[in-house]
Amino acid sequence: MRMTRGWTGLRLAAIALGLLAWNNPRAQADATTGTASNLLEYSVAGQIDKSGITGSNVISYVPVQNAMIDPTSNLPLGAFQVAPLPVGQTTTYNNTPFSLTIDPTGFNGTTLNQTPLTVTGELNGTVNGPYQSSVQVTFDPITQGSFALAGGTSTLSVLQNDHHLLVPSSAGGITTVEGQLASTGLSPDAAPVPEPSTIALFLSTVGGLGLRRYVMTRRQRVAA
């Protein structure tokens, strides 16, 4: 009786392990390669023009490098940073143009070859030393904000498109910018192909069950 229960428990454990590995090869691949599935990988670069600036430029752009997000969620676009000015000094921004370049580089572990998206806008306002800022960021309407993704289309928009008041250095000096992707028509994930290690585990499970049946049959014949 104990031997029968032991074989039954072993059989159930082997079946559960084999089915789990067979149905979840993507999780194994992710753990091995470190690649997250169904995530968009992208980078953002930015440039602030020197025109329209009176005084020392104290505003810079902080880029985004090799970030990964869900393609239906908010899209961090980097940040503007305001550095402190010496006491008594002032810098004025008058329709100072800037541009951000968003480059979608990969999706679900597959490299994308898409034309980068461009977001433009202007800076207007004054930075007073050492810690005051009234500079606002205004974004232009995005004319080319869509790109092909997984059989569908993703379209970028900028959140709070009207104005962003830049945080003065007394409050950290960092103002983050976010966009949003509206993704439509994305095809469902293709059925994953089992890895060799998964196939080997499955075959080992089947082989073990076959061996167990062979041993039990021989014991029954000997007992008879």
N, C-alpha and C. Protein backbone atom coordinates (compact mmCIF):
# COMPACT_ATOMS: atom_id res chain seq x y z
N MET A 1 0.83 -1.21 0.00
CA MET A 1 0.00 0.00 0.00
C MET A 1 0.86 1.26 0.00
N ARG A 2 1.93 1.27 0.84
CA ARG A 2 2.82 2.43 0.89
C ARG A 2 3.51 2.66 -0.44
N MET A 3 3.94 1.51 -1.08
CA MET A 3 4.61 1.63 -2.37
C MET A 3 3.66 2.23 -3.40
N THR A 4 2.39 1.78 -3.39
CA THR A 4 1.42 2.31 -4.35
C THR A 4 1.20 3.79 -4.14
N ARG A 5 1.05 4.23 -2.89
CA ARG A 5 0.87 5.66 -2.61
C ARG A 5 2.08 6.47 -3.04
N GLY A 6 3.28 5.89 -2.81
CA GLY A 6 4.48 6.61 -3.20
C GLY A 6 4.54 6.83 -4.70
N TRP A 7 4.21 5.76 -5.47
CA TRP A 7 4.22 5.90 -6.92
C TRP A 7 3.15 6.89 -7.39
N THR A 8 1.98 6.87 -6.72
CA THR A 8 0.91 7.80 -7.10
C THR A 8 1.34 9.24 -6.88
N GLY A 9 1.96 9.50 -5.70
CA GLY A 9 2.43 10.86 -5.43
C GLY A 9 3.49 11.30 -6.41
N LEU A 10 4.42 10.37 -6.76
CA LEU A 10 5.47 10.70 -7.72
C LEU A 10 4.89 10.99 -9.09
N ARG A 11 3.89 10.19 -9.47
CA ARG A 11 3.26 10.41 -10.76
C ARG A 11 2.59 11.77 -10.85
N LEU A 12 1.83 12.15 -9.83
CA LEU A 12 1.15 13.44 -9.84
C LEU A 12 2.14 14.59 -9.87
N ALA A 13 3.22 14.48 -9.10
CA ALA A 13 4.23 15.54 -9.08
C ALA A 13 4.90 15.67 -10.43
N ALA A 14 5.21 14.53 -11.07
CA ALA A 14 5.87 14.56 -12.37
C ALA A 14 4.97 15.19 -13.43
N ILE A 15 3.68 14.80 -13.40
CA ILE A 15 2.74 15.36 -14.36
C ILE A 15 2.61 16.87 -14.17
N ALA A 16 2.47 17.30 -12.93
CA ALA A 16 2.32 18.74 -12.65
C ALA A 16 3.54 19.51 -13.11
N LEU A 17 4.75 18.97 -12.82
CA LEU A 17 5.98 19.65 -13.21
C LEU A 17 6.13 19.72 -14.72
N GLY A 18 5.81 18.61 -15.38
CA GLY A 18 5.94 18.60 -16.83
C GLY A 18 4.97 19.55 -17.50
N LEU A 19 3.71 19.57 -17.07
CA LEU A 19 2.72 20.47 -17.67
C LEU A 19 3.05 21.92 -17.39
N LEU A 20 3.53 22.23 -16.17
CA LEU A 20 3.89 23.60 -15.84
C LEU A 20 5.00 24.10 -16.73
N ALA A 21 6.02 23.28 -16.93
CA ALA A 21 7.14 23.70 -17.77
C ALA A 21 6.72 23.82 -19.23
N TRP A 22 5.85 22.92 -19.69
CA TRP A 22 5.41 22.94 -21.08
C TRP A 22 4.57 24.16 -21.40
N ASN A 23 3.72 24.55 -20.47
CA ASN A 23 2.81 25.66 -20.71
C ASN A 23 3.40 27.01 -20.38
N ASN A 24 4.61 27.07 -19.82
CA ASN A 24 5.16 28.34 -19.39
C ASN A 24 6.59 28.55 -19.88
N PRO A 25 6.89 28.28 -21.16
CA PRO A 25 8.26 28.45 -21.64
C PRO A 25 8.68 29.90 -21.68
N ARG A 26 7.71 30.81 -21.85
CA ARG A 26 8.07 32.23 -21.92
C ARG A 26 8.65 32.72 -20.61
N ALA A 27 8.07 32.27 -19.50
CA ALA A 27 8.60 32.68 -18.21
C ALA A 27 10.02 32.20 -18.04
N GLN A 28 10.34 30.96 -18.52
CA GLN A 28 11.70 30.47 -18.44
C GLN A 28 12.63 31.31 -19.30
N ALA A 29 12.18 31.67 -20.49
CA ALA A 29 13.02 32.46 -21.37
C ALA A 29 13.29 33.83 -20.77
N ASP A 30 12.27 34.42 -20.15
CA ASP A 30 12.45 35.72 -19.54
C ASP A 30 13.44 35.65 -18.39
N ALA A 31 13.34 34.60 -17.57
CA ALA A 31 14.26 34.48 -16.44
C ALA A 31 15.68 34.26 -16.91
N THR A 32 15.86 33.58 -18.07
CA THR A 32 17.19 33.29 -18.56
C THR A 32 17.82 34.50 -19.23
N THR A 33 17.03 35.19 -20.07
CA THR A 33 17.59 36.28 -20.86
C THR A 33 17.39 37.64 -20.23
N GLY A 34 16.48 37.73 -19.25
CA GLY A 34 16.20 39.02 -18.64
C GLY A 34 15.31 39.90 -19.50
N THR A 35 14.69 39.35 -20.57
CA THR A 35 13.85 40.12 -21.46
C THR A 35 12.41 40.03 -21.00
N ALA A 36 11.78 41.17 -20.77
CA ALA A 36 10.39 41.19 -20.35
C ALA A 36 9.49 41.15 -21.57
N SER A 37 8.43 40.34 -21.51
CA SER A 37 7.54 40.20 -22.66
C SER A 37 6.50 41.31 -22.65
N ASN A 38 6.01 41.63 -23.88
CA ASN A 38 4.93 42.60 -24.08
C ASN A 38 5.28 43.99 -23.57
N LEU A 39 6.54 44.36 -23.58
CA LEU A 39 6.95 45.69 -23.17
C LEU A 39 7.63 46.42 -24.32
N LEU A 40 7.35 47.71 -24.41
CA LEU A 40 7.96 48.56 -25.42
C LEU A 40 9.24 49.15 -24.87
N GLU A 41 10.32 48.98 -25.60
CA GLU A 41 11.60 49.59 -25.21
C GLU A 41 11.83 50.83 -26.06
N TYR A 42 12.27 51.91 -25.42
CA TYR A 42 12.43 53.17 -26.15
C TYR A 42 13.46 54.06 -25.45
N SER A 43 13.88 55.08 -26.17
CA SER A 43 14.77 56.11 -25.63
C SER A 43 14.28 57.46 -26.10
N VAL A 44 14.59 58.50 -25.33
CA VAL A 44 14.20 59.86 -25.68
C VAL A 44 15.41 60.77 -25.55
N ALA A 45 15.69 61.53 -26.60
CA ALA A 45 16.74 62.55 -26.56
C ALA A 45 16.09 63.91 -26.74
N GLY A 46 16.74 64.96 -26.23
CA GLY A 46 16.15 66.30 -26.32
C GLY A 46 17.20 67.37 -26.53
N GLN A 47 16.73 68.48 -27.06
CA GLN A 47 17.62 69.62 -27.32
C GLN A 47 16.87 70.93 -27.11
N ILE A 48 17.50 71.86 -26.40
CA ILE A 48 16.95 73.19 -26.20
C ILE A 48 17.75 74.18 -27.05
N ASP A 49 17.06 74.92 -27.88
CA ASP A 49 17.72 75.89 -28.76
C ASP A 49 18.22 77.09 -27.95
N LYS A 50 19.23 77.76 -28.47
CA LYS A 50 19.80 78.91 -27.77
C LYS A 50 19.08 80.22 -28.12
N SER A 51 18.23 80.18 -29.12
CA SER A 51 17.56 81.42 -29.52
C SER A 51 16.50 81.81 -28.50
N GLY A 52 16.30 83.11 -28.34
CA GLY A 52 15.28 83.62 -27.42
C GLY A 52 15.71 83.62 -25.97
N ILE A 53 16.99 83.37 -25.68
CA ILE A 53 17.48 83.34 -24.30
C ILE A 53 18.28 84.62 -24.03
N THR A 54 17.88 85.34 -22.99
CA THR A 54 18.61 86.51 -22.55
C THR A 54 19.22 86.21 -21.19
N GLY A 55 20.55 86.13 -21.13
CA GLY A 55 21.21 85.74 -19.89
C GLY A 55 21.82 84.35 -20.03
N SER A 56 22.25 83.80 -18.92
CA SER A 56 22.87 82.47 -18.94
C SER A 56 21.79 81.38 -18.95
N ASN A 57 21.94 80.44 -19.86
CA ASN A 57 20.99 79.35 -19.94
C ASN A 57 21.16 78.42 -18.74
N VAL A 58 20.11 78.25 -17.96
CA VAL A 58 20.18 77.40 -16.77
C VAL A 58 19.19 76.23 -16.85
N ILE A 59 18.56 76.05 -18.01
CA ILE A 59 17.60 74.97 -18.18
C ILE A 59 18.20 73.92 -19.11
N SER A 60 18.17 72.68 -18.66
CA SER A 60 18.67 71.57 -19.46
C SER A 60 17.61 70.47 -19.51
N TYR A 61 17.81 69.56 -20.45
CA TYR A 61 16.89 68.44 -20.60
C TYR A 61 17.58 67.16 -20.13
N VAL A 62 16.84 66.34 -19.35
CA VAL A 62 17.35 65.06 -18.86
C VAL A 62 16.73 63.96 -19.72
N PRO A 63 17.53 63.20 -20.48
CA PRO A 63 16.99 62.22 -21.43
C PRO A 63 16.51 60.93 -20.77
N VAL A 64 15.91 60.07 -21.58
CA VAL A 64 15.49 58.73 -21.18
C VAL A 64 16.27 57.74 -22.03
N GLN A 65 16.85 56.73 -21.38
CA GLN A 65 17.66 55.76 -22.11
C GLN A 65 17.21 54.33 -21.82
N ASN A 66 16.87 53.61 -22.87
CA ASN A 66 16.54 52.18 -22.79
C ASN A 66 15.50 51.87 -21.72
N ALA A 67 14.43 52.67 -21.72
CA ALA A 67 13.32 52.43 -20.78
C ALA A 67 12.37 51.40 -21.37
N MET A 68 11.59 50.73 -20.49
CA MET A 68 10.62 49.73 -20.93
C MET A 68 9.29 49.99 -20.25
N ILE A 69 8.21 50.04 -21.03
CA ILE A 69 6.88 50.31 -20.47
C ILE A 69 5.84 49.47 -21.21
N ASP A 70 4.68 49.33 -20.59
CA ASP A 70 3.53 48.73 -21.25
C ASP A 70 3.06 49.70 -22.35
N PRO A 71 2.83 49.21 -23.57
CA PRO A 71 2.47 50.12 -24.67
C PRO A 71 1.10 50.76 -24.55
N THR A 72 0.34 50.44 -23.49
CA THR A 72 -0.97 51.08 -23.30
C THR A 72 -0.95 51.99 -22.07
N SER A 73 0.25 52.33 -21.57
CA SER A 73 0.33 53.13 -20.35
C SER A 73 1.00 54.47 -20.63
N ASN A 74 1.21 55.25 -19.57
CA ASN A 74 1.90 56.52 -19.71
C ASN A 74 3.35 56.30 -20.14
N LEU A 75 3.88 57.28 -20.86
CA LEU A 75 5.22 57.18 -21.43
C LEU A 75 6.08 58.31 -20.88
N PRO A 76 6.98 58.04 -19.92
CA PRO A 76 7.89 59.09 -19.43
C PRO A 76 8.74 59.63 -20.56
N LEU A 77 8.78 60.95 -20.70
CA LEU A 77 9.51 61.59 -21.79
C LEU A 77 10.74 62.35 -21.32
N GLY A 78 11.17 62.09 -20.09
CA GLY A 78 12.33 62.79 -19.58
C GLY A 78 11.93 63.92 -18.65
N ALA A 79 12.81 64.89 -18.49
CA ALA A 79 12.55 65.98 -17.54
C ALA A 79 13.34 67.23 -17.94
N PHE A 80 12.83 68.36 -17.50
CA PHE A 80 13.56 69.62 -17.60
C PHE A 80 14.13 69.95 -16.22
N GLN A 81 15.37 70.40 -16.21
CA GLN A 81 16.04 70.71 -14.96
C GLN A 81 16.47 72.18 -14.95
N VAL A 82 16.10 72.87 -13.87
CA VAL A 82 16.45 74.28 -13.70
C VAL A 82 17.57 74.38 -12.66
N ALA A 83 18.70 74.93 -13.08
CA ALA A 83 19.83 75.13 -12.17
C ALA A 83 19.73 76.51 -11.51
N PRO A 84 20.28 76.68 -10.31
CA PRO A 84 20.21 77.98 -9.64
C PRO A 84 21.10 79.02 -10.30
N LEU A 85 20.64 80.24 -10.28
CA LEU A 85 21.43 81.38 -10.75
C LEU A 85 22.05 82.10 -9.56
N PRO A 86 23.17 82.81 -9.77
CA PRO A 86 23.71 83.64 -8.69
C PRO A 86 22.72 84.72 -8.27
N VAL A 87 22.82 85.13 -7.06
CA VAL A 87 21.92 86.16 -6.52
C VAL A 87 21.97 87.41 -7.39
N GLY A 88 20.77 87.92 -7.74
CA GLY A 88 20.68 89.15 -8.51
C GLY A 88 20.69 88.96 -10.01
N GLN A 89 20.98 87.74 -10.50
CA GLN A 89 21.00 87.51 -11.93
C GLN A 89 19.65 86.97 -12.42
N THR A 90 19.35 87.26 -13.70
CA THR A 90 18.08 86.86 -14.30
C THR A 90 18.32 86.31 -15.70
N THR A 91 17.59 85.27 -16.03
CA THR A 91 17.60 84.74 -17.40
C THR A 91 16.17 84.68 -17.90
N THR A 92 15.97 85.20 -19.10
CA THR A 92 14.64 85.24 -19.69
C THR A 92 14.58 84.35 -20.92
N TYR A 93 13.48 83.58 -21.01
CA TYR A 93 13.24 82.71 -22.16
C TYR A 93 12.03 83.25 -22.91
N ASN A 94 12.24 83.57 -24.19
CA ASN A 94 11.18 84.16 -25.00
C ASN A 94 10.98 83.31 -26.25
N ASN A 95 9.96 82.45 -26.20
CA ASN A 95 9.67 81.54 -27.32
C ASN A 95 10.91 80.73 -27.70
N THR A 96 11.61 80.25 -26.71
CA THR A 96 12.81 79.43 -26.95
C THR A 96 12.38 78.03 -27.35
N PRO A 97 12.72 77.61 -28.56
CA PRO A 97 12.24 76.29 -29.01
C PRO A 97 13.05 75.14 -28.43
N PHE A 98 12.38 74.00 -28.31
CA PHE A 98 13.04 72.76 -27.93
C PHE A 98 12.42 71.62 -28.71
N SER A 99 13.10 70.49 -28.73
CA SER A 99 12.56 69.32 -29.43
C SER A 99 12.95 68.06 -28.67
N LEU A 100 12.04 67.09 -28.66
CA LEU A 100 12.28 65.78 -28.07
C LEU A 100 12.13 64.74 -29.18
N THR A 101 13.04 63.77 -29.20
CA THR A 101 13.00 62.70 -30.20
C THR A 101 12.79 61.37 -29.49
N ILE A 102 11.65 60.74 -29.76
CA ILE A 102 11.30 59.46 -29.12
C ILE A 102 11.58 58.34 -30.12
N ASP A 103 12.42 57.41 -29.72
CA ASP A 103 12.83 56.33 -30.62
C ASP A 103 12.36 54.99 -30.07
N PRO A 104 11.28 54.39 -30.64
CA PRO A 104 10.86 53.05 -30.22
C PRO A 104 11.85 52.02 -30.79
N THR A 105 12.55 51.31 -29.93
CA THR A 105 13.63 50.43 -30.39
C THR A 105 13.29 48.94 -30.34
N GLY A 106 12.31 48.54 -29.52
CA GLY A 106 12.01 47.12 -29.45
C GLY A 106 10.68 46.86 -28.78
N PHE A 107 10.11 45.69 -29.08
CA PHE A 107 8.87 45.28 -28.45
C PHE A 107 8.87 43.77 -28.28
N ASN A 108 8.61 43.33 -27.05
CA ASN A 108 8.51 41.91 -26.76
C ASN A 108 9.78 41.16 -27.18
N GLY A 109 10.93 41.82 -26.98
CA GLY A 109 12.20 41.20 -27.30
C GLY A 109 12.59 41.26 -28.77
N THR A 110 11.75 41.90 -29.61
CA THR A 110 12.03 42.02 -31.04
C THR A 110 12.42 43.45 -31.38
N THR A 111 13.48 43.61 -32.15
CA THR A 111 13.94 44.94 -32.52
C THR A 111 12.96 45.61 -33.47
N LEU A 112 12.65 46.88 -33.21
CA LEU A 112 11.79 47.67 -34.08
C LEU A 112 12.63 48.56 -34.99
N ASN A 113 12.13 48.79 -36.18
CA ASN A 113 12.79 49.70 -37.11
C ASN A 113 11.79 50.77 -37.52
N GLN A 114 11.52 51.68 -36.57
CA GLN A 114 10.51 52.69 -36.78
C GLN A 114 11.16 54.08 -36.87
N THR A 115 10.51 54.96 -37.59
CA THR A 115 10.97 56.35 -37.66
C THR A 115 10.73 57.02 -36.31
N PRO A 116 11.75 57.63 -35.71
CA PRO A 116 11.56 58.29 -34.40
C PRO A 116 10.47 59.36 -34.46
N LEU A 117 9.77 59.51 -33.34
CA LEU A 117 8.74 60.54 -33.22
C LEU A 117 9.37 61.83 -32.69
N THR A 118 8.84 62.96 -33.12
CA THR A 118 9.38 64.25 -32.70
C THR A 118 8.30 65.07 -32.01
N VAL A 119 8.64 65.58 -30.83
CA VAL A 119 7.75 66.47 -30.09
C VAL A 119 8.48 67.80 -29.93
N THR A 120 7.80 68.89 -30.27
CA THR A 120 8.41 70.21 -30.18
C THR A 120 7.60 71.12 -29.27
N GLY A 121 8.20 72.22 -28.90
CA GLY A 121 7.52 73.19 -28.05
C GLY A 121 8.39 74.40 -27.79
N GLU A 122 7.97 75.22 -26.81
CA GLU A 122 8.69 76.46 -26.51
C GLU A 122 8.77 76.69 -25.01
N LEU A 123 9.79 77.42 -24.60
CA LEU A 123 9.97 77.85 -23.22
C LEU A 123 9.72 79.35 -23.14
N ASN A 124 8.94 79.77 -22.14
CA ASN A 124 8.66 81.19 -21.92
C ASN A 124 8.62 81.48 -20.43
N GLY A 125 9.35 82.52 -20.03
CA GLY A 125 9.35 82.90 -18.62
C GLY A 125 10.72 83.35 -18.17
N THR A 126 10.86 83.48 -16.84
CA THR A 126 12.08 84.05 -16.27
C THR A 126 12.56 83.20 -15.10
N VAL A 127 13.89 83.05 -15.03
CA VAL A 127 14.54 82.44 -13.88
C VAL A 127 15.31 83.54 -13.15
N ASN A 128 15.00 83.74 -11.87
CA ASN A 128 15.67 84.75 -11.05
C ASN A 128 16.55 84.06 -10.02
N GLY A 129 17.82 84.56 -9.92
CA GLY A 129 18.73 83.96 -8.94
C GLY A 129 18.36 84.31 -7.51
N PRO A 130 18.56 83.37 -6.62
CA PRO A 130 19.10 82.05 -6.96
C PRO A 130 18.06 80.95 -7.19
N TYR A 131 16.79 81.15 -6.76
CA TYR A 131 15.91 79.99 -6.70
C TYR A 131 14.52 80.17 -7.30
N GLN A 132 14.25 81.22 -8.01
CA GLN A 132 12.90 81.45 -8.51
C GLN A 132 12.80 81.14 -10.00
N SER A 133 11.64 80.59 -10.41
CA SER A 133 11.40 80.28 -11.82
C SER A 133 9.93 80.46 -12.15
N SER A 134 9.67 81.16 -13.27
CA SER A 134 8.31 81.29 -13.79
C SER A 134 8.23 80.75 -15.21
N VAL A 135 9.22 79.96 -15.61
CA VAL A 135 9.28 79.46 -16.98
C VAL A 135 8.23 78.38 -17.19
N GLN A 136 7.52 78.49 -18.28
CA GLN A 136 6.52 77.50 -18.65
C GLN A 136 6.91 76.80 -19.94
N VAL A 137 6.55 75.53 -20.03
CA VAL A 137 6.78 74.73 -21.24
C VAL A 137 5.45 74.57 -21.96
N THR A 138 5.43 74.90 -23.24
CA THR A 138 4.25 74.72 -24.06
C THR A 138 4.59 73.77 -25.20
N PHE A 139 3.78 72.72 -25.37
CA PHE A 139 4.02 71.75 -26.44
C PHE A 139 3.18 72.07 -27.67
N ASP A 140 3.80 71.89 -28.82
CA ASP A 140 3.08 72.04 -30.08
C ASP A 140 2.23 70.80 -30.34
N PRO A 141 1.18 70.92 -31.14
CA PRO A 141 0.42 69.72 -31.53
C PRO A 141 1.33 68.73 -32.25
N ILE A 142 1.17 67.46 -31.94
CA ILE A 142 1.99 66.42 -32.56
C ILE A 142 1.38 66.06 -33.91
N THR A 143 2.16 66.27 -34.97
CA THR A 143 1.64 66.01 -36.32
C THR A 143 1.94 64.59 -36.78
N GLN A 144 3.09 64.04 -36.38
CA GLN A 144 3.47 62.68 -36.76
C GLN A 144 3.78 61.90 -35.48
N GLY A 145 2.73 61.40 -34.82
CA GLY A 145 2.92 60.75 -33.53
C GLY A 145 2.55 59.29 -33.50
N SER A 146 2.43 58.66 -34.67
CA SER A 146 2.01 57.26 -34.71
C SER A 146 3.11 56.39 -35.29
N PHE A 147 3.14 55.14 -34.83
CA PHE A 147 4.08 54.17 -35.38
C PHE A 147 3.47 52.78 -35.29
N ALA A 148 3.91 51.90 -36.19
CA ALA A 148 3.39 50.54 -36.24
C ALA A 148 3.95 49.74 -35.08
N LEU A 149 3.06 48.91 -34.46
CA LEU A 149 3.49 48.11 -33.31
C LEU A 149 2.67 46.83 -33.24
N ALA A 150 3.33 45.68 -33.39
CA ALA A 150 2.71 44.37 -33.19
C ALA A 150 1.42 44.21 -33.99
N GLY A 151 1.46 44.58 -35.26
CA GLY A 151 0.30 44.43 -36.12
C GLY A 151 -0.74 45.52 -35.96
N GLY A 152 -0.50 46.48 -35.06
CA GLY A 152 -1.43 47.58 -34.84
C GLY A 152 -0.73 48.92 -34.95
N THR A 153 -1.30 49.90 -34.27
CA THR A 153 -0.76 51.26 -34.31
C THR A 153 -0.77 51.87 -32.92
N SER A 154 0.31 52.56 -32.57
CA SER A 154 0.39 53.31 -31.32
C SER A 154 0.54 54.78 -31.64
N THR A 155 -0.24 55.61 -30.94
CA THR A 155 -0.23 57.05 -31.18
C THR A 155 0.13 57.77 -29.89
N LEU A 156 1.08 58.69 -29.98
CA LEU A 156 1.58 59.41 -28.82
C LEU A 156 0.87 60.75 -28.64
N SER A 157 0.53 61.05 -27.40
CA SER A 157 0.05 62.38 -27.04
C SER A 157 0.78 62.81 -25.78
N VAL A 158 0.87 64.13 -25.55
CA VAL A 158 1.57 64.66 -24.38
C VAL A 158 0.54 65.02 -23.31
N LEU A 159 0.74 64.52 -22.09
CA LEU A 159 -0.18 64.83 -21.00
C LEU A 159 0.00 66.28 -20.57
N GLN A 160 -1.07 66.91 -20.12
CA GLN A 160 -1.05 68.31 -19.71
C GLN A 160 -0.42 69.15 -20.81
N ASN A 161 -1.01 69.04 -22.00
CA ASN A 161 -0.40 69.63 -23.19
C ASN A 161 -0.34 71.16 -23.15
N ASP A 162 -1.18 71.79 -22.33
CA ASP A 162 -1.22 73.25 -22.36
C ASP A 162 0.07 73.87 -21.83
N HIS A 163 0.36 73.61 -20.55
CA HIS A 163 1.53 74.23 -19.95
C HIS A 163 2.14 73.33 -18.87
N HIS A 164 3.45 73.41 -18.75
CA HIS A 164 4.18 72.82 -17.64
C HIS A 164 4.98 73.95 -16.99
N LEU A 165 4.71 74.25 -15.73
CA LEU A 165 5.49 75.25 -15.02
C LEU A 165 6.73 74.57 -14.46
N LEU A 166 7.91 75.01 -14.89
CA LEU A 166 9.14 74.37 -14.46
C LEU A 166 9.41 74.65 -12.99
N VAL A 167 9.78 73.58 -12.29
CA VAL A 167 10.06 73.67 -10.85
C VAL A 167 11.37 74.40 -10.63
N PRO A 168 11.41 75.39 -9.74
CA PRO A 168 12.67 76.09 -9.46
C PRO A 168 13.63 75.19 -8.70
N SER A 169 14.90 75.56 -8.69
CA SER A 169 15.93 74.75 -8.04
C SER A 169 15.69 74.62 -6.53
N SER A 170 14.99 75.58 -5.93
CA SER A 170 14.69 75.50 -4.49
C SER A 170 13.79 74.32 -4.17
N ALA A 171 13.05 73.83 -5.19
CA ALA A 171 12.16 72.68 -5.00
C ALA A 171 12.70 71.44 -5.70
N GLY A 172 13.99 71.42 -5.99
CA GLY A 172 14.62 70.28 -6.65
C GLY A 172 15.00 70.53 -8.08
N GLY A 173 14.30 71.46 -8.72
CA GLY A 173 14.66 71.85 -10.07
C GLY A 173 14.28 70.88 -11.17
N ILE A 174 13.60 69.79 -10.85
CA ILE A 174 13.28 68.77 -11.85
C ILE A 174 11.78 68.77 -12.13
N THR A 175 11.42 68.89 -13.41
CA THR A 175 10.03 68.80 -13.85
C THR A 175 9.92 67.68 -14.87
N THR A 176 9.24 66.60 -14.51
CA THR A 176 9.10 65.47 -15.43
C THR A 176 8.01 65.73 -16.45
N VAL A 177 8.18 65.11 -17.61
CA VAL A 177 7.22 65.23 -18.70
C VAL A 177 6.75 63.83 -19.07
N GLU A 178 5.45 63.67 -19.27
CA GLU A 178 4.91 62.37 -19.62
C GLU A 178 4.03 62.47 -20.85
N GLY A 179 4.08 61.42 -21.65
CA GLY A 179 3.17 61.27 -22.76
C GLY A 179 2.27 60.07 -22.49
N GLN A 180 1.42 59.80 -23.45
CA GLN A 180 0.53 58.64 -23.34
C GLN A 180 0.40 57.99 -24.69
N LEU A 181 0.46 56.65 -24.71
CA LEU A 181 0.30 55.91 -25.94
C LEU A 181 -1.10 55.32 -26.01
N ALA A 182 -1.76 55.54 -27.13
CA ALA A 182 -3.04 54.90 -27.40
C ALA A 182 -2.76 53.83 -28.45
N SER A 183 -2.77 52.57 -28.05
CA SER A 183 -2.43 51.47 -28.94
C SER A 183 -3.69 50.72 -29.36
N THR A 184 -3.84 50.53 -30.65
CA THR A 184 -5.02 49.84 -31.17
C THR A 184 -4.58 48.75 -32.15
N GLY A 185 -5.37 47.71 -32.23
CA GLY A 185 -5.13 46.65 -33.21
C GLY A 185 -3.95 45.77 -32.92
N LEU A 186 -3.45 45.77 -31.66
CA LEU A 186 -2.32 44.92 -31.35
C LEU A 186 -2.72 43.45 -31.46
N SER A 187 -1.94 42.66 -32.18
CA SER A 187 -2.25 41.24 -32.33
C SER A 187 -1.91 40.51 -31.05
N PRO A 188 -2.68 39.45 -30.72
CA PRO A 188 -2.36 38.67 -29.51
C PRO A 188 -1.01 38.01 -29.65
N ASP A 189 -0.43 37.67 -28.52
CA ASP A 189 0.89 37.04 -28.53
C ASP A 189 0.85 35.74 -29.32
N ALA A 190 1.89 35.53 -30.10
CA ALA A 190 2.00 34.25 -30.82
C ALA A 190 2.28 33.15 -29.81
N ALA A 191 1.81 31.95 -30.13
CA ALA A 191 2.05 30.81 -29.24
C ALA A 191 3.54 30.58 -29.12
N PRO A 192 4.07 30.55 -27.92
CA PRO A 192 5.51 30.40 -27.75
C PRO A 192 5.99 29.01 -28.14
N VAL A 193 7.18 28.96 -28.70
CA VAL A 193 7.79 27.69 -29.07
C VAL A 193 8.57 27.16 -27.89
N PRO A 194 8.33 25.91 -27.45
CA PRO A 194 9.03 25.38 -26.29
C PRO A 194 10.53 25.35 -26.52
N GLU A 195 11.28 25.68 -25.47
CA GLU A 195 12.73 25.62 -25.54
C GLU A 195 13.19 24.17 -25.43
N PRO A 196 14.43 23.86 -25.89
CA PRO A 196 14.93 22.48 -25.79
C PRO A 196 14.91 21.94 -24.37
N SER A 197 15.24 22.79 -23.38
CA SER A 197 15.24 22.31 -22.00
C SER A 197 13.83 21.94 -21.55
N THR A 198 12.84 22.69 -22.02
CA THR A 198 11.46 22.38 -21.67
C THR A 198 11.03 21.06 -22.31
N ILE A 199 11.41 20.87 -23.57
CA ILE A 199 11.07 19.62 -24.26
C ILE A 199 11.72 18.44 -23.56
N ALA A 200 12.99 18.62 -23.16
CA ALA A 200 13.70 17.54 -22.48
C ALA A 200 13.00 17.17 -21.17
N LEU A 201 12.55 18.19 -20.43
CA LEU A 201 11.87 17.93 -19.18
C LEU A 201 10.56 17.19 -19.41
N PHE A 202 9.85 17.60 -20.45
CA PHE A 202 8.58 16.94 -20.76
C PHE A 202 8.81 15.47 -21.13
N LEU A 203 9.81 15.22 -21.98
CA LEU A 203 10.10 13.85 -22.38
C LEU A 203 10.56 13.02 -21.19
N SER A 204 11.33 13.64 -20.28
CA SER A 204 11.76 12.92 -19.08
C SER A 204 10.56 12.52 -18.24
N THR A 205 9.57 13.41 -18.15
CA THR A 205 8.36 13.11 -17.39
C THR A 205 7.61 11.93 -18.00
N VAL A 206 7.44 11.98 -19.34
CA VAL A 206 6.75 10.88 -20.02
C VAL A 206 7.52 9.58 -19.86
N GLY A 207 8.86 9.66 -20.00
CA GLY A 207 9.68 8.46 -19.85
C GLY A 207 9.58 7.87 -18.45
N GLY A 208 9.55 8.73 -17.45
CA GLY A 208 9.43 8.26 -16.07
C GLY A 208 8.12 7.56 -15.82
N LEU A 209 7.05 8.09 -16.38
CA LEU A 209 5.75 7.44 -16.22
C LEU A 209 5.73 6.09 -16.93
N GLY A 210 6.38 6.00 -18.11
CA GLY A 210 6.44 4.73 -18.81
C GLY A 210 7.24 3.70 -18.04
N LEU A 211 8.36 4.13 -17.46
CA LEU A 211 9.18 3.21 -16.66
C LEU A 211 8.41 2.72 -15.45
N ARG A 212 7.68 3.61 -14.81
CA ARG A 212 6.89 3.23 -13.64
C ARG A 212 5.86 2.17 -14.00
N ARG A 213 5.21 2.34 -15.16
CA ARG A 213 4.20 1.34 -15.57
C ARG A 213 4.84 0.00 -15.88
N TYR A 214 6.03 0.03 -16.50
CA TYR A 214 6.73 -1.20 -16.83
C TYR A 214 7.10 -1.97 -15.55
N VAL A 215 7.62 -1.26 -14.54
CA VAL A 215 8.02 -1.90 -13.28
C VAL A 215 6.81 -2.51 -12.58
N MET A 216 5.70 -1.76 -12.54
CA MET A 216 4.51 -2.26 -11.88
C MET A 216 3.97 -3.50 -12.57
N THR A 217 4.04 -3.52 -13.92
CA THR A 217 3.54 -4.70 -14.66
C THR A 217 4.37 -5.93 -14.36
N ARG A 218 5.70 -5.76 -14.32
CA ARG A 218 6.58 -6.89 -14.02
C ARG A 218 6.33 -7.42 -12.61
N ARG A 219 6.10 -6.52 -11.65
CA ARG A 219 5.84 -6.98 -10.26
C ARG A 219 4.54 -7.76 -10.17
N GLN A 220 3.54 -7.31 -10.94
CA GLN A 220 2.26 -8.01 -10.93
C GLN A 220 2.41 -9.42 -11.52
N ARG A 221 3.24 -9.54 -12.57
CA ARG A 221 3.48 -10.86 -13.18
C ARG A 221 4.22 -11.78 -12.23
N VAL A 222 5.23 -11.24 -11.51
CA VAL A 222 5.99 -12.05 -10.57
C VAL A 222 5.10 -12.51 -9.42
N ALA A 223 4.25 -11.59 -8.94
CA ALA A 223 3.36 -11.94 -7.83
C ALA A 223 2.36 -13.02 -8.23
N ALA A 224 1.96 -12.99 -9.49
CA ALA A 224 1.00 -14.00 -9.97
C ALA A 224 1.69 -15.36 -10.08
